[in-house]
Amino acid sequence: MAGDEGKRAEVVARLEGLRLGGASAVHVHAACSTADELVAACAAAGVPGTPVKNLFLADKKGGCYVVTARPDAAVDLGALGTRLGVGKSGLRLGKEEVMVELLGCPQGCLTPLAAMFDSGRRVRLLLDAGLRGVAQLSAHAMTNDTSVPLAPQALEAFLDAAHADYTWVDLDAWAPGQMPDLIRETAAAKEGKEAPGKKAGKKGGGGGAEGAGAGAGGRDKAGSAADPFAPAPTADSVPRASEDVVAAVLAALGDRLPADAARDAALLEALRAEAARVLQPLKNAAYARGLRHGKGVPRQPHVNGVLWNP
């Protein structure tokens, strides 16, 4: 058995306090260190729910992530890094000592339930959206020989109570050329904290997360004008804005619209095309901003002639 029995007891107590289960909900099975071993161990022990695999990842700027996914789900680190705005080669497996420091989990014991020990909110959880459709998922209870079945809604309740930073992610929803859609600062970056497992950078330099924060002129949670890495729009922001513009124009025209249905359709398509043309610089600016975020380049007030200060 690997893991911390004391932390397992704390997780069980928290589950009981939230009325999401307790000691009776913890299932014991053979110790396992891989996803395949976990699936086999849970099946042999009759543990209900879909076992989940967990990956501890880190980016080049000190951000840390836990990916919790179905055991057979493909996790493309290149695509995920691009979506997070850290670049195709910006994600790597995190170090075990950092995982223990932040979450109290040694190798083989990682679980989304460890978020309750992330007091500094240094870790962002990326939850496989495919798990939202299962009746129950089964996650380690801080040791590699125990698991706790939870409904997806119960997991959300647990994470909310822990004030965890988590996002449901469709792992298959990425296509080459698409804008980064998961860009958001981790708490460590927002607060300018030293990257876990790294020494502080030199004063005024760019060493680690702290150096990057100092060079950017400071950040705050509100995403103010001084924040060079405020969240970029999602991939559907511009198309949605185009439809809003079209709806506003149609409402303004009112009774002056032509009565003929064919002319109505032609007018609507012309309006959509014009709205898309006008908003194209905004789309370009959003994409460029996502790329700059991944490279750590501070935001410029104008991009492609468009003032970009959401």
C-alpha atoms as a PDB file:
ATOM      1  CA  MET A   1       0.000   0.000   0.000  1.00  0.00           C
ATOM      2  CA  ALA A   2       1.223   3.479  -0.911  1.00  0.00           C
ATOM      3  CA  GLY A   3      -0.261   6.737   0.249  1.00  0.00           C
ATOM      4  CA  ASP A   4      -1.157   8.572   3.417  1.00  0.00           C
ATOM      5  CA  GLU A   5      -3.696   6.867   5.687  1.00  0.00           C
ATOM      6  CA  GLY A   6      -4.056  10.044   7.740  1.00  0.00           C
ATOM      7  CA  LYS A   7      -5.071  12.024   4.647  1.00  0.00           C
ATOM      8  CA  ARG A   8      -7.411   9.192   3.656  1.00  0.00           C
ATOM      9  CA  ALA A   9      -9.141   9.598   7.023  1.00  0.00           C
ATOM     10  CA  GLU A  10      -9.453  13.337   6.381  1.00  0.00           C
ATOM     11  CA  VAL A  11     -11.037  12.695   2.977  1.00  0.00           C
ATOM     12  CA  VAL A  12     -13.485  10.219   4.516  1.00  0.00           C
ATOM     13  CA  ALA A  13     -14.379  12.733   7.246  1.00  0.00           C
ATOM     14  CA  ARG A  14     -14.994  15.435   4.630  1.00  0.00           C
ATOM     15  CA  LEU A  15     -17.218  13.081   2.623  1.00  0.00           C
ATOM     16  CA  GLU A  16     -19.191  12.289   5.762  1.00  0.00           C
ATOM     17  CA  GLY A  17     -19.512  15.957   6.632  1.00  0.00           C
ATOM     18  CA  LEU A  18     -20.884  16.704   3.158  1.00  0.00           C
ATOM     19  CA  ARG A  19     -23.176  13.656   3.337  1.00  0.00           C
ATOM     20  CA  LEU A  20     -21.535  12.216   0.232  1.00  0.00           C
ATOM     21  CA  GLY A  21     -20.551   8.942   1.870  1.00  0.00           C
ATOM     22  CA  GLY A  22     -18.089   7.921   4.529  1.00  0.00           C
ATOM     23  CA  ALA A  23     -16.036   4.993   5.751  1.00  0.00           C
ATOM     24  CA  SER A  24     -18.638   2.548   4.487  1.00  0.00           C
ATOM     25  CA  ALA A  25     -18.247   3.946   0.957  1.00  0.00           C
ATOM     26  CA  VAL A  26     -14.507   3.242   0.832  1.00  0.00           C
ATOM     27  CA  HIS A  27     -13.709   0.039  -1.045  1.00  0.00           C
ATOM     28  CA  VAL A  28     -10.455  -1.838  -0.494  1.00  0.00           C
ATOM     29  CA  HIS A  29      -8.798  -3.526  -3.462  1.00  0.00           C
ATOM     30  CA  ALA A  30      -5.363  -4.720  -4.534  1.00  0.00           C
ATOM     31  CA  ALA A  31      -2.696  -2.022  -4.620  1.00  0.00           C
ATOM     32  CA  CYS A  32      -2.183  -0.685  -8.145  1.00  0.00           C
ATOM     33  CA  SER A  33       0.060   1.820  -9.860  1.00  0.00           C
ATOM     34  CA  THR A  34      -1.326   1.979 -13.416  1.00  0.00           C
ATOM     35  CA  ALA A  35      -4.747   2.568 -14.933  1.00  0.00           C
ATOM     36  CA  ASP A  36      -4.907  -0.994 -16.267  1.00  0.00           C
ATOM     37  CA  GLU A  37      -4.085  -2.395 -12.830  1.00  0.00           C
ATOM     38  CA  LEU A  38      -6.746  -0.157 -11.282  1.00  0.00           C
ATOM     39  CA  VAL A  39      -9.442  -1.339 -13.696  1.00  0.00           C
ATOM     40  CA  ALA A  40      -8.571  -4.972 -12.974  1.00  0.00           C
ATOM     41  CA  ALA A  41      -8.377  -4.435  -9.209  1.00  0.00           C
ATOM     42  CA  CYS A  42     -11.725  -2.630  -9.046  1.00  0.00           C
ATOM     43  CA  ALA A  43     -13.390  -5.323 -11.138  1.00  0.00           C
ATOM     44  CA  ALA A  44     -11.980  -8.094  -8.932  1.00  0.00           C
ATOM     45  CA  ALA A  45     -13.089  -6.327  -5.748  1.00  0.00           C
ATOM     46  CA  GLY A  46     -16.521  -5.399  -7.093  1.00  0.00           C
ATOM     47  CA  VAL A  47     -15.958  -1.655  -6.746  1.00  0.00           C
ATOM     48  CA  PRO A  48     -18.892   0.132  -8.428  1.00  0.00           C
ATOM     49  CA  GLY A  49     -18.421   2.980 -10.850  1.00  0.00           C
ATOM     50  CA  THR A  50     -15.980   3.812 -13.629  1.00  0.00           C
ATOM     51  CA  PRO A  51     -12.376   3.826 -12.384  1.00  0.00           C
ATOM     52  CA  VAL A  52     -10.543   7.014 -13.329  1.00  0.00           C
ATOM     53  CA  LYS A  53      -6.949   7.560 -14.320  1.00  0.00           C
ATOM     54  CA  ASN A  54      -5.147  10.672 -13.134  1.00  0.00           C
ATOM     55  CA  LEU A  55      -2.166  12.515 -14.602  1.00  0.00           C
ATOM     56  CA  PHE A  56      -0.157  15.164 -12.776  1.00  0.00           C
ATOM     57  CA  LEU A  57       1.130  17.685 -15.322  1.00  0.00           C
ATOM     58  CA  ALA A  58       3.200  20.848 -15.195  1.00  0.00           C
ATOM     59  CA  ASP A  59       3.840  23.621 -17.695  1.00  0.00           C
ATOM     60  CA  LYS A  60       6.971  25.660 -18.314  1.00  0.00           C
ATOM     61  CA  LYS A  61       5.715  28.614 -16.292  1.00  0.00           C
ATOM     62  CA  GLY A  62       5.083  26.699 -13.083  1.00  0.00           C
ATOM     63  CA  GLY A  63       1.391  25.897 -13.572  1.00  0.00           C
ATOM     64  CA  CYS A  64       0.280  22.476 -12.310  1.00  0.00           C
ATOM     65  CA  TYR A  65      -2.670  20.396 -13.448  1.00  0.00           C
ATOM     66  CA  VAL A  66      -4.411  17.131 -12.657  1.00  0.00           C
ATOM     67  CA  VAL A  67      -6.186  15.444 -15.548  1.00  0.00           C
ATOM     68  CA  THR A  68      -8.868  13.017 -14.381  1.00  0.00           C
ATOM     69  CA  ALA A  69     -10.211  10.886 -17.203  1.00  0.00           C
ATOM     70  CA  ARG A  70     -11.860   7.630 -18.182  1.00  0.00           C
ATOM     71  CA  PRO A  71      -9.315   4.807 -18.175  1.00  0.00           C
ATOM     72  CA  ASP A  72      -9.526   4.407 -21.972  1.00  0.00           C
ATOM     73  CA  ALA A  73      -9.583   8.123 -22.819  1.00  0.00           C
ATOM     74  CA  ALA A  74      -6.739   9.481 -24.952  1.00  0.00           C
ATOM     75  CA  VAL A  75      -4.944  12.428 -23.346  1.00  0.00           C
ATOM     76  CA  ASP A  76      -2.972  14.285 -26.024  1.00  0.00           C
ATOM     77  CA  LEU A  77      -0.484  16.485 -24.146  1.00  0.00           C
ATOM     78  CA  GLY A  78       0.331  18.468 -27.291  1.00  0.00           C
ATOM     79  CA  ALA A  79      -3.301  19.345 -27.971  1.00  0.00           C
ATOM     80  CA  LEU A  80      -3.997  20.004 -24.302  1.00  0.00           C
ATOM     81  CA  GLY A  81      -0.973  22.304 -24.020  1.00  0.00           C
ATOM     82  CA  THR A  82      -2.155  24.264 -27.061  1.00  0.00           C
ATOM     83  CA  ARG A  83      -5.663  24.584 -25.600  1.00  0.00           C
ATOM     84  CA  LEU A  84      -4.199  25.832 -22.327  1.00  0.00           C
ATOM     85  CA  GLY A  85      -2.103  28.409 -24.156  1.00  0.00           C
ATOM     86  CA  VAL A  86       1.262  26.994 -23.038  1.00  0.00           C
ATOM     87  CA  GLY A  87       2.225  25.614 -26.437  1.00  0.00           C
ATOM     88  CA  LYS A  88       2.238  22.203 -28.063  1.00  0.00           C
ATOM     89  CA  SER A  89       5.379  21.206 -26.164  1.00  0.00           C
ATOM     90  CA  GLY A  90       4.532  23.188 -23.050  1.00  0.00           C
ATOM     91  CA  LEU A  91       3.112  20.359 -20.908  1.00  0.00           C
ATOM     92  CA  ARG A  92       5.040  17.539 -19.297  1.00  0.00           C
ATOM     93  CA  LEU A  93       4.517  15.007 -16.529  1.00  0.00           C
ATOM     94  CA  GLY A  94       5.001  16.734 -13.179  1.00  0.00           C
ATOM     95  CA  LYS A  95       7.553  15.709 -10.592  1.00  0.00           C
ATOM     96  CA  GLU A  96       6.454  13.415  -7.781  1.00  0.00           C
ATOM     97  CA  GLU A  97       7.965  15.655  -5.100  1.00  0.00           C
ATOM     98  CA  VAL A  98       5.880  18.589  -6.345  1.00  0.00           C
ATOM     99  CA  MET A  99       2.744  16.424  -6.368  1.00  0.00           C
ATOM    100  CA  VAL A 100       3.435  15.402  -2.766  1.00  0.00           C
ATOM    101  CA  GLU A 101       4.137  19.018  -1.790  1.00  0.00           C
ATOM    102  CA  LEU A 102       0.924  20.383  -3.256  1.00  0.00           C
ATOM    103  CA  LEU A 103      -1.528  17.493  -2.949  1.00  0.00           C
ATOM    104  CA  GLY A 104      -0.037  15.032  -0.483  1.00  0.00           C
ATOM    105  CA  CYS A 105      -0.115  12.239  -3.073  1.00  0.00           C
ATOM    106  CA  PRO A 106       2.815   9.975  -3.913  1.00  0.00           C
ATOM    107  CA  GLN A 107       3.034   8.264  -7.280  1.00  0.00           C
ATOM    108  CA  GLY A 108       0.144   5.893  -7.942  1.00  0.00           C
ATOM    109  CA  CYS A 109      -2.212   7.526  -5.422  1.00  0.00           C
ATOM    110  CA  LEU A 110      -3.276  10.619  -7.351  1.00  0.00           C
ATOM    111  CA  THR A 111      -6.957  11.481  -7.084  1.00  0.00           C
ATOM    112  CA  PRO A 112      -9.155  14.535  -7.668  1.00  0.00           C
ATOM    113  CA  LEU A 113     -10.131  14.273  -3.992  1.00  0.00           C
ATOM    114  CA  ALA A 114      -6.606  15.467  -3.130  1.00  0.00           C
ATOM    115  CA  ALA A 115      -7.755  18.953  -4.147  1.00  0.00           C
ATOM    116  CA  MET A 116      -8.897  19.452  -0.551  1.00  0.00           C
ATOM    117  CA  PHE A 117      -5.212  19.608   0.453  1.00  0.00           C
ATOM    118  CA  ASP A 118      -4.317  22.218  -2.178  1.00  0.00           C
ATOM    119  CA  SER A 119      -4.629  25.119   0.249  1.00  0.00           C
ATOM    120  CA  GLY A 120      -2.987  27.600  -2.111  1.00  0.00           C
ATOM    121  CA  ARG A 121      -5.086  26.590  -5.123  1.00  0.00           C
ATOM    122  CA  ARG A 122      -1.918  25.985  -7.063  1.00  0.00           C
ATOM    123  CA  VAL A 123      -3.361  23.081  -9.070  1.00  0.00           C
ATOM    124  CA  ARG A 124      -6.045  23.226 -11.745  1.00  0.00           C
ATOM    125  CA  LEU A 125      -8.168  20.108 -12.231  1.00  0.00           C
ATOM    126  CA  LEU A 126      -9.144  19.181 -15.795  1.00  0.00           C
ATOM    127  CA  LEU A 127     -11.985  16.673 -15.611  1.00  0.00           C
ATOM    128  CA  ASP A 128     -12.863  14.525 -18.612  1.00  0.00           C
ATOM    129  CA  ALA A 129     -16.324  15.625 -19.754  1.00  0.00           C
ATOM    130  CA  GLY A 130     -16.990  12.011 -20.718  1.00  0.00           C
ATOM    131  CA  LEU A 131     -17.267  11.228 -17.001  1.00  0.00           C
ATOM    132  CA  ARG A 132     -20.312  13.468 -16.636  1.00  0.00           C
ATOM    133  CA  GLY A 133     -22.391  10.814 -18.359  1.00  0.00           C
ATOM    134  CA  VAL A 134     -21.519   7.936 -16.016  1.00  0.00           C
ATOM    135  CA  ALA A 135     -23.668   6.993 -13.040  1.00  0.00           C
ATOM    136  CA  GLN A 136     -20.616   6.831 -10.763  1.00  0.00           C
ATOM    137  CA  LEU A 137     -16.888   7.247 -11.065  1.00  0.00           C
ATOM    138  CA  SER A 138     -14.415   5.614  -8.720  1.00  0.00           C
ATOM    139  CA  ALA A 139     -11.440   7.619  -7.418  1.00  0.00           C
ATOM    140  CA  HIS A 140      -8.603   6.722  -5.072  1.00  0.00           C
ATOM    141  CA  ALA A 141      -9.074   7.703  -1.438  1.00  0.00           C
ATOM    142  CA  MET A 142      -5.460   8.993  -1.079  1.00  0.00           C
ATOM    143  CA  THR A 143      -4.002   5.471  -1.076  1.00  0.00           C
ATOM    144  CA  ASN A 144      -3.514   3.154  -4.030  1.00  0.00           C
ATOM    145  CA  ASP A 145      -5.454   0.272  -2.453  1.00  0.00           C
ATOM    146  CA  THR A 146      -8.725   2.108  -1.763  1.00  0.00           C
ATOM    147  CA  SER A 147     -11.320   3.794  -3.970  1.00  0.00           C
ATOM    148  CA  VAL A 148     -14.503   5.775  -3.383  1.00  0.00           C
ATOM    149  CA  PRO A 149     -17.438   5.636  -5.837  1.00  0.00           C
ATOM    150  CA  LEU A 150     -19.033   9.043  -6.406  1.00  0.00           C
ATOM    151  CA  ALA A 151     -21.626  10.411  -8.780  1.00  0.00           C
ATOM    152  CA  PRO A 152     -20.232  13.231 -10.959  1.00  0.00           C
ATOM    153  CA  GLN A 153     -22.479  15.691  -9.115  1.00  0.00           C
ATOM    154  CA  ALA A 154     -21.107  14.451  -5.788  1.00  0.00           C
ATOM    155  CA  LEU A 155     -17.552  14.996  -7.025  1.00  0.00           C
ATOM    156  CA  GLU A 156     -18.481  18.552  -8.003  1.00  0.00           C
ATOM    157  CA  ALA A 157     -19.973  19.135  -4.546  1.00  0.00           C
ATOM    158  CA  PHE A 158     -16.771  17.861  -2.930  1.00  0.00           C
ATOM    159  CA  LEU A 159     -14.576  20.076  -5.112  1.00  0.00           C
ATOM    160  CA  ASP A 160     -16.792  23.105  -4.573  1.00  0.00           C
ATOM    161  CA  ALA A 161     -16.557  22.625  -0.809  1.00  0.00           C
ATOM    162  CA  ALA A 162     -12.769  22.464  -1.172  1.00  0.00           C
ATOM    163  CA  HIS A 163     -12.785  25.668  -3.279  1.00  0.00           C
ATOM    164  CA  ALA A 164     -10.941  23.714  -5.949  1.00  0.00           C
ATOM    165  CA  ASP A 165     -10.173  25.130  -9.380  1.00  0.00           C
ATOM    166  CA  TYR A 166     -11.690  22.625 -11.815  1.00  0.00           C
ATOM    167  CA  THR A 167     -12.962  22.568 -15.387  1.00  0.00           C
ATOM    168  CA  TRP A 168     -14.861  19.899 -17.306  1.00  0.00           C
ATOM    169  CA  VAL A 169     -12.992  19.360 -20.574  1.00  0.00           C
ATOM    170  CA  ASP A 170     -14.042  17.572 -23.756  1.00  0.00           C
ATOM    171  CA  LEU A 171     -10.759  15.816 -24.526  1.00  0.00           C
ATOM    172  CA  ASP A 172     -11.836  15.131 -28.118  1.00  0.00           C
ATOM    173  CA  ALA A 173     -12.990  18.663 -28.974  1.00  0.00           C
ATOM    174  CA  TRP A 174      -9.754  20.008 -30.403  1.00  0.00           C
ATOM    175  CA  ALA A 175      -8.912  20.537 -34.065  1.00  0.00           C
ATOM    176  CA  PRO A 176      -5.677  21.959 -35.533  1.00  0.00           C
ATOM    177  CA  GLY A 177      -5.916  25.720 -36.026  1.00  0.00           C
ATOM    178  CA  GLN A 178      -8.590  26.185 -33.377  1.00  0.00           C
ATOM    179  CA  MET A 179      -8.122  28.988 -30.854  1.00  0.00           C
ATOM    180  CA  PRO A 180      -6.897  28.050 -27.348  1.00  0.00           C
ATOM    181  CA  ASP A 181     -10.102  27.539 -25.365  1.00  0.00           C
ATOM    182  CA  LEU A 182      -8.829  26.647 -21.891  1.00  0.00           C
ATOM    183  CA  ILE A 183      -6.606  29.650 -21.162  1.00  0.00           C
ATOM    184  CA  ARG A 184      -6.902  30.796 -17.601  1.00  0.00           C
ATOM    185  CA  GLU A 185      -4.327  31.682 -15.005  1.00  0.00           C
ATOM    186  CA  THR A 186      -3.626  29.308 -12.172  1.00  0.00           C
ATOM    187  CA  ALA A 187      -3.769  30.749  -8.688  1.00  0.00           C
ATOM    188  CA  ALA A 188       0.027  30.494  -8.486  1.00  0.00           C
ATOM    189  CA  ALA A 189       0.454  32.717 -11.545  1.00  0.00           C
ATOM    190  CA  LYS A 190      -2.173  35.223 -10.409  1.00  0.00           C
ATOM    191  CA  GLU A 191      -0.537  35.691  -7.046  1.00  0.00           C
ATOM    192  CA  GLY A 192       2.983  35.792  -8.506  1.00  0.00           C
ATOM    193  CA  LYS A 193       4.025  32.836  -6.366  1.00  0.00           C
ATOM    194  CA  GLU A 194       7.217  30.890  -6.856  1.00  0.00           C
ATOM    195  CA  ALA A 195       6.668  27.827  -8.999  1.00  0.00           C
ATOM    196  CA  PRO A 196       6.517  24.692  -6.830  1.00  0.00           C
ATOM    197  CA  GLY A 197       9.746  22.740  -6.814  1.00  0.00           C
ATOM    198  CA  LYS A 198      11.728  25.710  -8.174  1.00  0.00           C
ATOM    199  CA  LYS A 199      13.878  28.364  -6.579  1.00  0.00           C
ATOM    200  CA  ALA A 200      12.902  31.988  -6.950  1.00  0.00           C
ATOM    201  CA  GLY A 201      14.230  33.790 -10.025  1.00  0.00           C
ATOM    202  CA  LYS A 202      16.633  36.683  -9.846  1.00  0.00           C
ATOM    203  CA  LYS A 203      15.241  40.079  -9.067  1.00  0.00           C
ATOM    204  CA  GLY A 204      13.835  41.674 -12.191  1.00  0.00           C
ATOM    205  CA  GLY A 205      14.446  38.524 -14.217  1.00  0.00           C
ATOM    206  CA  GLY A 206      12.208  35.873 -15.655  1.00  0.00           C
ATOM    207  CA  GLY A 207      13.075  32.904 -13.481  1.00  0.00           C
ATOM    208  CA  GLY A 208      10.094  30.728 -12.592  1.00  0.00           C
ATOM    209  CA  ALA A 209       6.528  31.931 -12.077  1.00  0.00           C
ATOM    210  CA  GLU A 210       7.657  34.671  -9.704  1.00  0.00           C
ATOM    211  CA  GLY A 211      10.020  36.259 -12.229  1.00  0.00           C
ATOM    212  CA  ALA A 212       7.371  36.126 -14.928  1.00  0.00           C
ATOM    213  CA  GLY A 213       4.857  37.814 -12.640  1.00  0.00           C
ATOM    214  CA  ALA A 214       7.236  40.608 -11.704  1.00  0.00           C
ATOM    215  CA  GLY A 215       8.106  41.317 -15.329  1.00  0.00           C
ATOM    216  CA  ALA A 216       4.431  41.518 -16.278  1.00  0.00           C
ATOM    217  CA  GLY A 217       3.716  44.341 -13.879  1.00  0.00           C
ATOM    218  CA  GLY A 218       1.491  42.405 -11.482  1.00  0.00           C
ATOM    219  CA  ARG A 219      -1.744  40.502 -11.829  1.00  0.00           C
ATOM    220  CA  ASP A 220      -5.020  40.373 -10.005  1.00  0.00           C
ATOM    221  CA  LYS A 221      -7.998  38.031  -9.941  1.00  0.00           C
ATOM    222  CA  ALA A 222     -10.293  40.577 -11.545  1.00  0.00           C
ATOM    223  CA  GLY A 223      -8.347  40.513 -14.838  1.00  0.00           C
ATOM    224  CA  SER A 224      -7.688  44.265 -14.792  1.00  0.00           C
ATOM    225  CA  ALA A 225      -5.935  46.308 -17.464  1.00  0.00           C
ATOM    226  CA  ALA A 226      -2.621  45.589 -15.709  1.00  0.00           C
ATOM    227  CA  ASP A 227      -3.154  41.870 -16.242  1.00  0.00           C
ATOM    228  CA  PRO A 228      -1.363  40.732 -19.429  1.00  0.00           C
ATOM    229  CA  PHE A 229      -2.707  37.196 -19.238  1.00  0.00           C
ATOM    230  CA  ALA A 230      -6.417  37.728 -18.602  1.00  0.00           C
ATOM    231  CA  PRO A 231      -8.597  34.889 -20.000  1.00  0.00           C
ATOM    232  CA  ALA A 232      -9.005  34.939 -23.768  1.00  0.00           C
ATOM    233  CA  PRO A 233     -12.440  34.416 -25.355  1.00  0.00           C
ATOM    234  CA  THR A 234     -13.533  30.866 -26.023  1.00  0.00           C
ATOM    235  CA  ALA A 235     -13.501  29.477 -29.543  1.00  0.00           C
ATOM    236  CA  ASP A 236     -17.168  30.305 -30.149  1.00  0.00           C
ATOM    237  CA  SER A 237     -17.056  33.910 -28.867  1.00  0.00           C
ATOM    238  CA  VAL A 238     -16.741  35.580 -32.288  1.00  0.00           C
ATOM    239  CA  PRO A 239     -19.452  33.506 -34.049  1.00  0.00           C
ATOM    240  CA  ARG A 240     -21.742  34.185 -31.097  1.00  0.00           C
ATOM    241  CA  ALA A 241     -20.949  37.908 -31.283  1.00  0.00           C
ATOM    242  CA  SER A 242     -21.729  37.837 -35.017  1.00  0.00           C
ATOM    243  CA  GLU A 243     -25.177  36.397 -34.320  1.00  0.00           C
ATOM    244  CA  ASP A 244     -25.747  39.052 -31.637  1.00  0.00           C
ATOM    245  CA  VAL A 245     -24.892  41.782 -34.144  1.00  0.00           C
ATOM    246  CA  VAL A 246     -27.236  40.303 -36.752  1.00  0.00           C
ATOM    247  CA  ALA A 247     -30.062  40.050 -34.194  1.00  0.00           C
ATOM    248  CA  ALA A 248     -29.535  43.674 -33.137  1.00  0.00           C
ATOM    249  CA  VAL A 249     -29.601  44.905 -36.773  1.00  0.00           C
ATOM    250  CA  LEU A 250     -32.758  42.930 -37.544  1.00  0.00           C
ATOM    251  CA  ALA A 251     -34.438  44.319 -34.430  1.00  0.00           C
ATOM    252  CA  ALA A 252     -33.459  47.857 -35.427  1.00  0.00           C
ATOM    253  CA  LEU A 253     -34.830  47.446 -38.965  1.00  0.00           C
ATOM    254  CA  GLY A 254     -38.175  46.222 -37.677  1.00  0.00           C
ATOM    255  CA  ASP A 255     -40.991  46.707 -40.207  1.00  0.00           C
ATOM    256  CA  ARG A 256     -38.618  47.980 -42.887  1.00  0.00           C
ATOM    257  CA  LEU A 257     -37.560  44.404 -43.690  1.00  0.00           C
ATOM    258  CA  PRO A 258     -38.713  43.103 -47.121  1.00  0.00           C
ATOM    259  CA  ALA A 259     -41.744  40.854 -47.008  1.00  0.00           C
ATOM    260  CA  ASP A 260     -40.545  38.343 -49.570  1.00  0.00           C
ATOM    261  CA  ALA A 261     -39.141  35.231 -47.846  1.00  0.00           C
ATOM    262  CA  ALA A 262     -36.375  34.732 -50.412  1.00  0.00           C
ATOM    263  CA  ARG A 263     -35.220  38.344 -49.994  1.00  0.00           C
ATOM    264  CA  ASP A 264     -35.375  37.909 -46.217  1.00  0.00           C
ATOM    265  CA  ALA A 265     -33.010  34.934 -46.448  1.00  0.00           C
ATOM    266  CA  ALA A 266     -30.634  36.796 -48.753  1.00  0.00           C
ATOM    267  CA  LEU A 267     -30.604  39.802 -46.423  1.00  0.00           C
ATOM    268  CA  LEU A 268     -29.910  37.583 -43.410  1.00  0.00           C
ATOM    269  CA  GLU A 269     -26.965  35.901 -45.137  1.00  0.00           C
ATOM    270  CA  ALA A 270     -25.596  39.291 -46.220  1.00  0.00           C
ATOM    271  CA  LEU A 271     -25.858  40.573 -42.649  1.00  0.00           C
ATOM    272  CA  ARG A 272     -24.097  37.499 -41.302  1.00  0.00           C
ATOM    273  CA  ALA A 273     -21.301  37.820 -43.849  1.00  0.00           C
ATOM    274  CA  GLU A 274     -20.815  41.509 -43.051  1.00  0.00           C
ATOM    275  CA  ALA A 275     -20.820  40.876 -39.285  1.00  0.00           C
ATOM    276  CA  ALA A 276     -18.241  38.122 -39.698  1.00  0.00           C
ATOM    277  CA  ARG A 277     -16.087  40.421 -41.844  1.00  0.00           C
ATOM    278  CA  VAL A 278     -16.214  43.272 -39.323  1.00  0.00           C
ATOM    279  CA  LEU A 279     -15.442  40.958 -36.397  1.00  0.00           C
ATOM    280  CA  GLN A 280     -12.608  39.085 -38.119  1.00  0.00           C
ATOM    281  CA  PRO A 281      -9.939  41.402 -36.633  1.00  0.00           C
ATOM    282  CA  LEU A 282     -11.341  40.603 -33.187  1.00  0.00           C
ATOM    283  CA  LYS A 283     -10.999  36.895 -33.906  1.00  0.00           C
ATOM    284  CA  ASN A 284      -7.431  37.426 -35.093  1.00  0.00           C
ATOM    285  CA  ALA A 285      -6.659  39.440 -31.981  1.00  0.00           C
ATOM    286  CA  ALA A 286      -8.059  36.730 -29.702  1.00  0.00           C
ATOM    287  CA  TYR A 287      -6.001  34.054 -31.432  1.00  0.00           C
ATOM    288  CA  ALA A 288      -2.830  36.158 -31.343  1.00  0.00           C
ATOM    289  CA  ARG A 289      -3.417  36.877 -27.688  1.00  0.00           C
ATOM    290  CA  GLY A 290      -3.689  33.170 -26.934  1.00  0.00           C
ATOM    291  CA  LEU A 291      -0.359  32.591 -28.660  1.00  0.00           C
ATOM    292  CA  ARG A 292       1.254  35.442 -26.718  1.00  0.00           C
ATOM    293  CA  HIS A 293      -0.080  33.958 -23.475  1.00  0.00           C
ATOM    294  CA  GLY A 294       1.622  30.653 -24.272  1.00  0.00           C
ATOM    295  CA  LYS A 295       4.915  32.425 -24.953  1.00  0.00           C
ATOM    296  CA  GLY A 296       4.681  34.666 -21.902  1.00  0.00           C
ATOM    297  CA  VAL A 297       4.528  37.883 -23.933  1.00  0.00           C
ATOM    298  CA  PRO A 298       2.709  40.792 -22.214  1.00  0.00           C
ATOM    299  CA  ARG A 299      -0.509  41.994 -23.796  1.00  0.00           C
ATOM    300  CA  GLN A 300      -0.396  44.945 -26.196  1.00  0.00           C
ATOM    301  CA  PRO A 301      -3.167  47.560 -26.082  1.00  0.00           C
ATOM    302  CA  HIS A 302      -3.876  47.203 -29.825  1.00  0.00           C
ATOM    303  CA  VAL A 303      -3.720  44.061 -31.931  1.00  0.00           C
ATOM    304  CA  ASN A 304      -4.395  44.181 -35.654  1.00  0.00           C
ATOM    305  CA  GLY A 305      -5.835  47.646 -35.189  1.00  0.00           C
ATOM    306  CA  VAL A 306      -8.371  46.496 -32.577  1.00  0.00           C
ATOM    307  CA  LEU A 307      -8.361  47.781 -28.998  1.00  0.00           C
ATOM    308  CA  TRP A 308      -8.244  44.602 -26.895  1.00  0.00           C
ATOM    309  CA  ASN A 309      -9.084  45.297 -23.276  1.00  0.00           C
ATOM    310  CA  PRO A 310     -12.025  43.148 -22.130  1.00  0.00           C
END
